[in-house]
Amino acid sequence: MRAQPTIDAVLKSAVDRDDVAGVVAMAATRNGPVYEGAFGRRALPDGAAMTADTVFWIASMTKAITCTAAMQLVEQGKLQLDTPIADTLPELKNSQVLQGFDAAGQPRLRPARRPITLRHLMTHTAGFGYDMWSSDLIAYQKLNDIPGIITCRNAALTTPLLFDPGDQWFYGINIDWIGKAVEIASGQKLDAYFRDHIFAPLGMKDATFRLTPGHRARLAGMHTRKADGTLAPMEFEVPQDPEFHMGGGGLYATAADYLAFTRIFLHGGGMVLKPESVRAMSENQIGALNVVQLKTAMPPYTNDAEFYPGMVKKWSLGFMINTEPVPGARSAGSLAWAGLGNTYFWIDQAKGVTGVILTQLIPFADAKVLDLYGKFEVATYAAAQ
């Protein structure tokens, strides 16, 4: 791996400006890793120096791994994309759609017009949402004493649909339900399934739902962006003895772990997925529907979120797809997503480039981290030429 001083400068300058407490970034081509860098501190004010093997909460970057597990089971005939998922998850048989609230403030519910399928869940078209982007879900959860999803309590999954399956794209708890379907179809708990069928084959040695003492010794702390733009440490940890493993956002990992995962999509399969599964996870699976801007209903946790405003975005069986090329960076048709703590990745199959950049900062879609992400990506492509 040759030195990349331009990329180093991009990352170091963000730390020097106090845009981030610390950052780890890595990139690879089909031929292998081409960059790794670590700058800043794991935690403010005086935490250990960031290192390449620092462990991060990768949040919704977990989703693509859970979808990969589901596709393995589709390959084996243990799950089906287009039959009612209630065959596996009977809790979803009588799903209700929330149509607002009556004059007394009580929810108005009706039966969903069609059954939910695994494809709906994988593409975020089932009707589920996240409370942080839906004031209606916040109100419903408050009325019914339903906890938020990060509690990892089963009750967190008892929210209604916001629309009929297949009618819209909206980001939500879909992949947590897929995690439960993986457990039922495989007969293994999600952590064990991931370990045996994804992490071990790919050499993802630090990816985990449960932090060991060794992980904690290398763990990056979470931070919050205050109103004046400065950063402050904050307490945060995914429950370590959960009622369910959060397939939508429960994993901790290193940048090297996640890069090992993204590289399977550069190579078109092998190791953990058949080529036809990689193709399905790389193509638009929502037809004429589009990925929409997510408007925050919880400003402490997320800003309004949309990648490439004005560009049409699609969704595959696991990833967002940009439909236009990004100047100096990813090709049209590239795959990407992110995690709540401002962790990001992309996979450009056309040019054969993938990158991962990890920070630990809330709220999501932080403008300074997004700027850093874009500059890292452009510098990576410039160096790869």
Protein backbone atom coordinates (compact mmCIF):
# COMPACT_ATOMS: atom_id res chain seq x y z
CA MET A 1 0.00 0.00 0.00
CA ARG A 2 1.73 3.17 -1.19
CA ALA A 3 1.70 6.46 0.73
CA GLN A 4 -1.14 8.84 -0.14
CA PRO A 5 -0.16 12.25 1.29
CA THR A 6 -3.10 14.04 -0.36
CA ILE A 7 -5.63 11.81 1.37
CA ASP A 8 -3.72 12.13 4.64
CA ALA A 9 -3.94 15.91 4.35
CA VAL A 10 -7.70 15.83 3.79
CA LEU A 11 -8.30 13.78 6.93
CA LYS A 12 -5.74 15.55 9.12
CA SER A 13 -7.07 18.99 8.23
CA ALA A 14 -10.57 17.99 9.36
CA VAL A 15 -9.13 16.99 12.74
CA ASP A 16 -7.02 20.15 12.95
CA ARG A 17 -10.16 22.27 12.37
CA ASP A 18 -11.98 20.30 15.09
CA ASP A 19 -14.57 19.18 12.53
CA VAL A 20 -14.21 15.67 13.96
CA ALA A 21 -12.58 14.31 17.10
CA GLY A 22 -11.00 11.52 15.08
CA VAL A 23 -11.42 9.62 11.85
CA VAL A 24 -10.36 6.35 10.24
CA ALA A 25 -10.65 5.90 6.47
CA MET A 26 -9.73 3.07 4.14
CA ALA A 27 -10.10 2.38 0.42
CA ALA A 28 -9.48 -0.48 -1.97
CA THR A 29 -9.64 -1.40 -5.63
CA ARG A 30 -10.19 -4.85 -7.09
CA ASN A 31 -6.45 -5.40 -6.74
CA GLY A 32 -6.46 -4.84 -2.99
CA PRO A 33 -6.27 -2.10 -0.33
CA VAL A 34 -4.88 1.24 -1.55
CA TYR A 35 -5.26 3.49 1.49
CA GLU A 36 -5.62 3.50 5.24
CA GLY A 37 -5.35 6.46 7.57
CA ALA A 38 -6.20 7.32 11.17
CA PHE A 39 -6.11 10.82 12.65
CA GLY A 40 -7.21 12.56 15.82
CA ARG A 41 -8.40 11.01 19.07
CA ARG A 42 -10.79 8.20 19.84
CA ALA A 43 -12.54 10.43 22.36
CA LEU A 44 -12.41 14.00 23.55
CA PRO A 45 -10.88 15.65 25.39
CA ASP A 46 -7.82 13.47 25.89
CA GLY A 47 -8.58 9.97 24.61
CA ALA A 48 -6.04 7.70 22.99
CA ALA A 49 -4.86 8.44 19.48
CA MET A 50 -7.04 7.07 16.71
CA THR A 51 -5.54 3.98 15.08
CA ALA A 52 -6.48 1.91 12.05
CA ASP A 53 -7.80 -0.87 14.30
CA THR A 54 -10.14 1.40 16.28
CA VAL A 55 -13.61 -0.10 16.83
CA PHE A 56 -16.68 1.95 15.84
CA TRP A 57 -20.43 1.56 16.17
CA ILE A 58 -21.29 1.25 12.47
CA ALA A 59 -25.07 1.53 13.03
CA SER A 60 -27.04 1.22 9.78
CA MET A 61 -24.00 -0.05 7.90
CA THR A 62 -25.17 -3.25 9.60
CA LYS A 63 -28.14 -3.36 7.21
CA ALA A 64 -26.21 -4.46 4.12
CA ILE A 65 -24.68 -7.32 6.13
CA THR A 66 -28.13 -8.45 7.30
CA CYS A 67 -29.39 -8.29 3.72
CA THR A 68 -26.40 -10.39 2.66
CA ALA A 69 -27.37 -13.00 5.25
CA ALA A 70 -30.94 -12.98 3.91
CA MET A 71 -29.71 -13.46 0.35
CA GLN A 72 -27.63 -16.44 1.43
CA LEU A 73 -30.83 -18.01 2.75
CA VAL A 74 -32.68 -17.10 -0.45
CA GLU A 75 -29.95 -18.96 -2.35
CA GLN A 76 -30.64 -22.00 -0.16
CA GLY A 77 -34.41 -21.79 -0.61
CA LYS A 78 -34.95 -21.10 3.11
CA LEU A 79 -36.33 -17.61 2.43
CA GLN A 80 -38.22 -16.29 -0.61
CA LEU A 81 -38.17 -12.73 -1.88
CA ASP A 82 -41.77 -12.47 -3.07
CA THR A 83 -43.95 -14.67 -0.86
CA PRO A 84 -45.57 -13.24 2.29
CA ILE A 85 -42.87 -12.86 4.95
CA ALA A 86 -45.60 -13.73 7.48
CA ASP A 87 -44.91 -17.35 6.49
CA THR A 88 -41.66 -16.86 8.44
CA LEU A 89 -42.69 -13.96 10.70
CA PRO A 90 -46.32 -14.54 11.71
CA GLU A 91 -46.26 -11.28 13.69
CA LEU A 92 -46.50 -9.46 10.34
CA LYS A 93 -49.56 -11.32 9.09
CA ASN A 94 -52.11 -8.68 10.14
CA SER A 95 -50.10 -5.51 9.64
CA GLN A 96 -51.94 -2.22 10.19
CA VAL A 97 -51.45 1.10 8.39
CA LEU A 98 -51.48 4.29 10.48
CA GLN A 99 -53.70 6.89 8.79
CA GLY A 100 -53.20 9.67 11.30
CA PHE A 101 -55.06 10.51 14.50
CA ASP A 102 -58.67 11.35 15.31
CA ALA A 103 -59.96 14.44 17.11
CA ALA A 104 -59.30 12.78 20.45
CA GLY A 105 -55.69 12.09 19.49
CA GLN A 106 -56.19 8.35 19.03
CA PRO A 107 -54.54 6.57 16.09
CA ARG A 108 -56.63 5.67 13.04
CA LEU A 109 -55.55 2.25 11.79
CA ARG A 110 -56.67 -0.01 8.93
CA PRO A 111 -55.44 -3.37 7.59
CA ALA A 112 -52.68 -3.24 5.00
CA ARG A 113 -53.98 -3.86 1.45
CA ARG A 114 -51.32 -6.45 0.60
CA PRO A 115 -48.91 -8.71 2.48
CA ILE A 116 -45.36 -7.69 3.27
CA THR A 117 -42.63 -9.61 1.44
CA LEU A 118 -38.92 -9.99 2.07
CA ARG A 119 -38.33 -7.83 -1.02
CA HIS A 120 -40.42 -5.06 0.55
CA LEU A 121 -38.35 -5.24 3.72
CA MET A 122 -35.02 -5.28 1.87
CA THR A 123 -35.97 -2.25 -0.23
CA HIS A 124 -37.59 -0.17 2.54
CA THR A 125 -40.93 -0.27 0.76
CA ALA A 126 -42.83 -2.34 3.36
CA GLY A 127 -44.30 0.74 5.07
CA PHE A 128 -42.19 0.76 8.23
CA GLY A 129 -40.45 3.92 9.39
CA TYR A 130 -38.10 5.24 12.05
CA ASP A 131 -39.44 7.58 14.70
CA MET A 132 -36.57 10.03 14.15
CA TRP A 133 -38.00 10.79 10.70
CA SER A 134 -41.72 10.53 11.50
CA SER A 135 -43.65 12.68 13.96
CA ASP A 136 -46.62 10.31 13.55
CA LEU A 137 -44.51 7.40 14.80
CA ILE A 138 -43.25 9.49 17.72
CA ALA A 139 -46.86 10.23 18.68
CA TYR A 140 -47.92 6.60 18.27
CA GLN A 141 -45.02 5.31 20.34
CA LYS A 142 -45.76 7.81 23.11
CA LEU A 143 -49.46 6.80 23.22
CA ASN A 144 -48.60 3.10 23.35
CA ASP A 145 -45.46 3.27 25.49
CA ILE A 146 -43.34 1.77 22.69
CA PRO A 147 -39.58 2.19 23.14
CA GLY A 148 -37.20 3.39 20.46
CA ILE A 149 -35.43 0.86 18.26
CA ILE A 150 -31.97 1.37 19.80
CA THR A 151 -33.28 -0.16 23.05
CA CYS A 152 -33.21 -3.52 21.20
CA ARG A 153 -36.47 -4.46 22.93
CA ASN A 154 -38.98 -6.53 21.01
CA ALA A 155 -41.68 -3.97 21.79
CA ALA A 156 -39.78 -1.47 19.62
CA LEU A 157 -40.84 -3.47 16.55
CA THR A 158 -44.58 -3.15 17.25
CA THR A 159 -45.13 0.10 15.34
CA PRO A 160 -47.66 0.23 12.48
CA LEU A 161 -46.95 0.81 8.80
CA LEU A 162 -47.05 4.35 7.41
CA PHE A 163 -48.32 3.20 3.98
CA ASP A 164 -49.27 0.02 2.13
CA PRO A 165 -46.42 -2.35 1.21
CA GLY A 166 -44.95 -1.49 -2.17
CA ASP A 167 -46.47 2.00 -2.42
CA GLN A 168 -43.52 4.16 -1.30
CA TRP A 169 -39.89 4.17 -0.18
CA PHE A 170 -39.32 5.22 3.42
CA TYR A 171 -36.46 4.33 5.72
CA GLY A 172 -37.25 2.33 8.83
CA ILE A 173 -37.10 -0.81 10.96
CA ASN A 174 -37.44 -3.17 7.99
CA ILE A 175 -34.01 -4.74 8.35
CA ASP A 176 -34.52 -5.50 12.03
CA TRP A 177 -37.42 -7.73 10.94
CA ILE A 178 -35.10 -9.33 8.38
CA GLY A 179 -32.67 -10.13 11.19
CA LYS A 180 -35.44 -12.02 12.94
CA ALA A 181 -36.31 -13.84 9.68
CA VAL A 182 -32.65 -14.87 9.30
CA GLU A 183 -32.71 -16.35 12.79
CA ILE A 184 -35.89 -18.35 12.15
CA ALA A 185 -34.84 -19.58 8.70
CA SER A 186 -31.31 -20.53 9.76
CA GLY A 187 -31.96 -21.79 13.28
CA GLN A 188 -29.14 -19.61 14.62
CA LYS A 189 -29.07 -16.39 16.60
CA LEU A 190 -28.05 -13.47 14.42
CA ASP A 191 -24.65 -13.01 16.03
CA ALA A 192 -23.78 -16.68 15.51
CA TYR A 193 -25.07 -16.67 11.93
CA PHE A 194 -23.01 -13.60 11.03
CA ARG A 195 -19.92 -15.11 12.68
CA ASP A 196 -20.16 -18.44 10.87
CA HIS A 197 -21.38 -17.36 7.44
CA ILE A 198 -20.02 -13.84 6.88
CA PHE A 199 -17.43 -12.70 9.40
CA ALA A 200 -15.25 -15.82 9.52
CA PRO A 201 -15.16 -16.40 5.73
CA LEU A 202 -14.29 -12.73 5.09
CA GLY A 203 -11.82 -12.35 7.96
CA MET A 204 -13.93 -9.68 9.72
CA LYS A 205 -12.29 -10.45 13.04
CA ASP A 206 -13.58 -7.48 15.06
CA ALA A 207 -17.17 -7.23 13.75
CA THR A 208 -19.53 -7.94 16.66
CA PHE A 209 -22.78 -7.13 18.41
CA ARG A 210 -21.15 -7.64 21.81
CA LEU A 211 -18.08 -5.73 22.90
CA THR A 212 -15.28 -7.72 24.51
CA PRO A 213 -12.62 -6.15 26.77
CA GLY A 214 -10.34 -6.18 23.73
CA HIS A 215 -12.86 -4.21 21.70
CA ARG A 216 -13.37 -1.71 24.52
CA ALA A 217 -9.65 -1.04 24.66
CA ARG A 218 -9.86 0.20 21.05
CA LEU A 219 -13.37 1.70 21.10
CA ALA A 220 -14.06 5.17 19.69
CA GLY A 221 -16.30 7.29 21.91
CA MET A 222 -19.44 9.01 20.64
CA HIS A 223 -19.63 12.80 20.36
CA THR A 224 -22.31 15.39 19.80
CA ARG A 225 -22.16 18.60 17.79
CA LYS A 226 -23.25 21.46 20.05
CA ALA A 227 -25.17 24.52 18.85
CA ASP A 228 -21.95 26.54 18.63
CA GLY A 229 -20.41 23.90 16.34
CA THR A 230 -18.00 22.48 18.89
CA LEU A 231 -17.87 18.82 19.85
CA ALA A 232 -18.54 17.25 23.23
CA PRO A 233 -18.31 13.62 24.37
CA MET A 234 -21.62 11.82 24.98
CA GLU A 235 -22.57 8.53 26.58
CA PHE A 236 -23.72 5.94 24.05
CA GLU A 237 -23.70 2.17 23.76
CA VAL A 238 -25.92 -0.38 22.05
CA PRO A 239 -27.46 -2.68 24.71
CA GLN A 240 -25.06 -5.53 25.39
CA ASP A 241 -27.74 -7.95 26.64
CA PRO A 242 -30.52 -7.19 24.12
CA GLU A 243 -33.86 -8.87 23.62
CA PHE A 244 -32.91 -9.08 19.94
CA HIS A 245 -29.79 -8.34 17.93
CA MET A 246 -30.50 -5.23 15.89
CA GLY A 247 -30.01 -6.34 12.28
CA GLY A 248 -30.70 -2.78 11.24
CA GLY A 249 -27.96 -1.15 13.27
CA GLY A 250 -26.38 -3.13 16.10
CA LEU A 251 -22.87 -3.92 14.89
CA TYR A 252 -19.49 -2.63 15.98
CA ALA A 253 -16.54 -3.07 13.60
CA THR A 254 -13.28 -1.64 12.29
CA ALA A 255 -12.82 0.02 8.93
CA ALA A 256 -10.80 -3.01 7.78
CA ASP A 257 -13.71 -5.29 8.68
CA TYR A 258 -16.16 -3.31 6.61
CA LEU A 259 -13.79 -2.92 3.69
CA ALA A 260 -13.47 -6.71 3.57
CA PHE A 261 -17.26 -6.83 3.27
CA THR A 262 -17.62 -4.15 0.56
CA ARG A 263 -14.91 -5.75 -1.57
CA ILE A 264 -17.05 -8.82 -2.27
CA PHE A 265 -19.27 -6.51 -4.35
CA LEU A 266 -16.26 -5.34 -6.37
CA HIS A 267 -15.48 -8.95 -7.20
CA GLY A 268 -19.04 -9.88 -8.15
CA GLY A 269 -19.45 -12.58 -5.54
CA GLY A 270 -17.50 -15.49 -4.17
CA MET A 271 -16.81 -16.41 -0.55
CA VAL A 272 -20.25 -15.53 0.82
CA LEU A 273 -22.57 -14.72 -2.12
CA LYS A 274 -23.29 -16.12 -5.56
CA PRO A 275 -22.84 -13.76 -8.53
CA GLU A 276 -26.59 -13.62 -9.15
CA SER A 277 -27.16 -12.45 -5.57
CA VAL A 278 -24.53 -9.73 -5.95
CA ARG A 279 -26.27 -8.59 -9.13
CA ALA A 280 -29.64 -8.44 -7.36
CA MET A 281 -28.07 -6.43 -4.55
CA SER A 282 -26.55 -4.05 -7.11
CA GLU A 283 -29.60 -3.22 -9.24
CA ASN A 284 -32.62 -0.97 -8.80
CA GLN A 285 -35.28 -3.03 -7.06
CA ILE A 286 -37.88 -0.29 -6.43
CA GLY A 287 -38.89 0.41 -10.03
CA ALA A 288 -40.32 3.90 -10.50
CA LEU A 289 -40.18 4.70 -6.78
CA ASN A 290 -37.36 6.95 -5.56
CA VAL A 291 -35.35 7.36 -2.39
CA VAL A 292 -36.63 10.53 -0.72
CA GLN A 293 -35.21 13.13 1.63
CA LEU A 294 -35.57 12.17 5.28
CA LYS A 295 -36.91 15.15 7.27
CA THR A 296 -35.82 15.08 10.89
CA ALA A 297 -38.39 14.68 13.64
CA MET A 298 -35.61 14.37 16.26
CA PRO A 299 -33.00 17.11 15.69
CA PRO A 300 -30.77 15.88 18.54
CA TYR A 301 -30.19 12.61 16.66
CA THR A 302 -30.33 13.48 12.97
CA ASN A 303 -30.35 16.38 10.59
CA ASP A 304 -32.45 16.31 7.43
CA ALA A 305 -30.74 13.64 5.37
CA GLU A 306 -30.37 13.22 1.63
CA PHE A 307 -27.36 12.33 -0.48
CA TYR A 308 -26.98 14.31 -3.71
CA PRO A 309 -30.12 16.48 -3.50
CA GLY A 310 -31.72 16.86 -6.91
CA MET A 311 -30.37 13.53 -8.15
CA VAL A 312 -32.71 10.55 -8.53
CA LYS A 313 -31.68 7.77 -6.14
CA LYS A 314 -32.83 4.16 -6.20
CA TRP A 315 -32.55 1.22 -3.78
CA SER A 316 -31.31 -2.29 -4.38
CA LEU A 317 -31.64 -5.30 -2.08
CA GLY A 318 -29.45 -3.58 0.48
CA PHE A 319 -27.96 -0.33 -0.84
CA MET A 320 -28.77 3.14 -2.13
CA ILE A 321 -27.90 3.65 -5.82
CA ASN A 322 -26.91 7.03 -7.32
CA THR A 323 -28.24 7.26 -10.88
CA GLU A 324 -25.76 9.90 -12.09
CA PRO A 325 -21.96 10.05 -11.90
CA VAL A 326 -20.40 12.25 -9.23
CA PRO A 327 -17.70 14.51 -10.73
CA GLY A 328 -14.25 13.27 -9.80
CA ALA A 329 -15.71 10.45 -7.75
CA ARG A 330 -18.13 7.51 -7.97
CA SER A 331 -19.78 6.26 -11.15
CA ALA A 332 -23.50 6.18 -11.84
CA GLY A 333 -24.92 2.98 -10.41
CA SER A 334 -22.60 2.90 -7.39
CA LEU A 335 -23.80 1.46 -4.09
CA ALA A 336 -23.65 3.24 -0.73
CA TRP A 337 -25.15 3.89 2.64
CA ALA A 338 -24.25 5.13 6.11
CA GLY A 339 -24.66 4.84 9.87
CA LEU A 340 -26.26 7.15 12.43
CA GLY A 341 -22.92 7.98 14.07
CA ASN A 342 -21.67 9.51 10.79
CA THR A 343 -20.08 6.43 9.29
CA TYR A 344 -20.15 6.12 5.49
CA PHE A 345 -19.12 3.84 2.61
CA TRP A 346 -19.43 3.52 -1.15
CA ILE A 347 -18.89 0.71 -3.67
CA ASP A 348 -18.18 1.68 -7.29
CA GLN A 349 -18.37 -1.51 -9.32
CA ALA A 350 -17.80 0.27 -12.66
CA LYS A 351 -14.44 1.78 -11.65
CA GLY A 352 -13.61 -0.93 -9.12
CA VAL A 353 -13.19 1.38 -6.12
CA THR A 354 -14.65 1.15 -2.61
CA GLY A 355 -14.10 3.30 0.46
CA VAL A 356 -15.08 3.48 4.13
CA ILE A 357 -14.84 6.51 6.42
CA LEU A 358 -15.71 6.28 10.12
CA THR A 359 -16.31 8.92 12.77
CA GLN A 360 -18.45 8.84 15.95
CA LEU A 361 -20.68 11.89 15.97
CA ILE A 362 -24.38 12.61 16.38
CA PRO A 363 -26.55 14.09 14.83
CA PHE A 364 -26.49 12.09 11.60
CA ALA A 365 -25.77 13.80 8.27
CA ASP A 366 -23.42 16.27 9.94
CA ALA A 367 -22.47 18.87 7.34
CA LYS A 368 -18.79 18.89 8.27
CA VAL A 369 -18.48 15.11 8.14
CA LEU A 370 -20.35 14.96 4.83
CA ASP A 371 -17.90 17.51 3.44
CA LEU A 372 -15.00 15.38 4.68
CA TYR A 373 -16.58 12.25 3.17
CA GLY A 374 -16.84 13.94 -0.22
CA LYS A 375 -13.27 15.23 -0.11
CA PHE A 376 -11.95 11.80 0.94
CA GLU A 377 -13.76 10.17 -1.95
CA VAL A 378 -12.46 12.65 -4.55
CA ALA A 379 -8.91 12.36 -3.18
CA THR A 380 -9.17 8.57 -3.33
CA TYR A 381 -10.11 8.58 -7.01
CA ALA A 382 -7.38 11.10 -7.82
CA ALA A 383 -4.80 8.89 -6.12
CA ALA A 384 -6.12 5.71 -7.76
CA GLN A 385 -5.64 7.03 -11.30
